[in-house]
Amino acid sequence: MYRIKKNDHLKEIYEYINSVFELLKLIPTHNIPFYFTKTIFDLINIVEIKTLTNIKTPKIKLQTKFMQKLVLASYQFLGFYFLTNKFF
């Protein structure tokens, strides 16, 4: 959570995760794993939808889930590649 907190452009995500974790403390302990995974999957879906809507490539048709996942995997790979190359 510290890495998310120190980045200004991830402030909204940090506040959302922090508020959800505070709510998780209030529910019975046997329900925490279900709501935790649901929260993480919902967050991943929101990020995927926002990323796909921000892609401005008219040549790529993102009609199928396979194509959407392929584009997202490419973005993840390139992001990881560029981040790790800064340190070498």
Protein backbone atom coordinates (compact mmCIF):
# COMPACT_ATOMS: atom_id res chain seq x y z
CA MET A 1 0.00 0.00 0.00
CA TYR A 2 2.96 2.33 0.58
CA ARG A 3 3.92 2.30 -3.12
CA ILE A 4 0.38 3.25 -4.10
CA LYS A 5 0.18 5.93 -1.42
CA LYS A 6 3.36 7.75 -2.47
CA ASN A 7 2.24 8.17 -6.13
CA ASP A 8 0.00 11.19 -6.61
CA HIS A 9 -1.67 9.83 -9.75
CA LEU A 10 -2.84 6.73 -7.82
CA LYS A 11 -4.47 8.72 -5.02
CA GLU A 12 -8.04 7.71 -5.99
CA ILE A 13 -7.14 4.02 -6.08
CA TYR A 14 -5.44 4.28 -2.70
CA GLU A 15 -8.49 5.95 -1.16
CA TYR A 16 -10.80 3.30 -2.64
CA ILE A 17 -8.68 0.40 -1.42
CA ASN A 18 -8.25 1.97 2.00
CA SER A 19 -12.00 2.52 2.41
CA VAL A 20 -12.78 -1.04 1.33
CA PHE A 21 -10.24 -2.48 3.75
CA GLU A 22 -11.76 -0.44 6.56
CA LEU A 23 -15.16 -1.93 5.70
CA LEU A 24 -13.67 -5.42 5.60
CA LYS A 25 -12.71 -5.01 9.24
CA LEU A 26 -16.39 -4.67 10.17
CA ILE A 27 -17.72 -7.86 8.60
CA PRO A 28 -17.51 -11.35 10.12
CA THR A 29 -14.15 -13.01 9.61
CA HIS A 30 -15.52 -15.97 7.63
CA ASN A 31 -16.82 -13.54 4.97
CA ILE A 32 -13.57 -11.60 4.53
CA PRO A 33 -11.97 -13.86 1.84
CA PHE A 34 -15.07 -13.67 -0.38
CA TYR A 35 -15.39 -9.89 -0.21
CA PHE A 36 -11.63 -9.37 -0.50
CA THR A 37 -11.42 -11.35 -3.75
CA LYS A 38 -14.57 -9.69 -5.07
CA THR A 39 -13.08 -6.26 -4.36
CA ILE A 40 -9.79 -7.09 -6.07
CA PHE A 41 -11.54 -8.56 -9.14
CA ASP A 42 -13.82 -5.52 -9.37
CA LEU A 43 -10.81 -3.22 -9.17
CA ILE A 44 -9.05 -5.18 -11.92
CA ASN A 45 -12.15 -4.99 -14.14
CA ILE A 46 -12.44 -1.23 -13.62
CA VAL A 47 -8.77 -0.71 -14.54
CA GLU A 48 -9.15 -2.94 -17.62
CA ILE A 49 -12.25 -1.05 -18.81
CA LYS A 50 -10.60 2.35 -18.30
CA THR A 51 -7.46 1.19 -20.09
CA LEU A 52 -9.39 -0.22 -23.04
CA THR A 53 -11.48 2.95 -23.40
CA ASN A 54 -8.32 5.09 -23.42
CA ILE A 55 -6.69 3.13 -26.23
CA LYS A 56 -6.92 5.14 -29.42
CA THR A 57 -6.02 2.68 -32.13
CA PRO A 58 -8.63 2.54 -34.88
CA LYS A 59 -6.90 -0.35 -36.66
CA ILE A 60 -7.36 -2.74 -33.73
CA LYS A 61 -10.86 -4.05 -33.27
CA LEU A 62 -11.39 -4.88 -29.62
CA GLN A 63 -14.63 -6.77 -30.14
CA THR A 64 -13.62 -10.08 -28.60
CA LYS A 65 -12.41 -10.75 -25.08
CA PHE A 66 -9.34 -12.45 -26.52
CA MET A 67 -8.27 -9.30 -28.36
CA GLN A 68 -8.93 -7.18 -25.27
CA LYS A 69 -6.82 -9.46 -23.07
CA LEU A 70 -4.07 -9.55 -25.69
CA VAL A 71 -3.87 -5.75 -25.82
CA LEU A 72 -3.88 -5.52 -22.03
CA ALA A 73 -1.12 -8.11 -21.78
CA SER A 74 0.94 -6.12 -24.30
CA TYR A 75 0.50 -2.95 -22.26
CA GLN A 76 1.48 -4.78 -19.08
CA PHE A 77 4.58 -6.24 -20.72
CA LEU A 78 5.69 -2.92 -22.17
CA GLY A 79 5.06 -1.13 -18.89
CA PHE A 80 7.15 -3.70 -17.03
CA TYR A 81 9.86 -3.55 -19.70
CA PHE A 82 10.14 0.24 -19.58
CA LEU A 83 10.12 0.29 -15.78
CA THR A 84 12.87 -2.29 -15.47
CA ASN A 85 15.02 -0.70 -18.19
CA LYS A 86 15.23 2.53 -16.20
CA PHE A 87 17.25 0.78 -13.53
CA PHE A 88 19.75 -1.01 -15.78
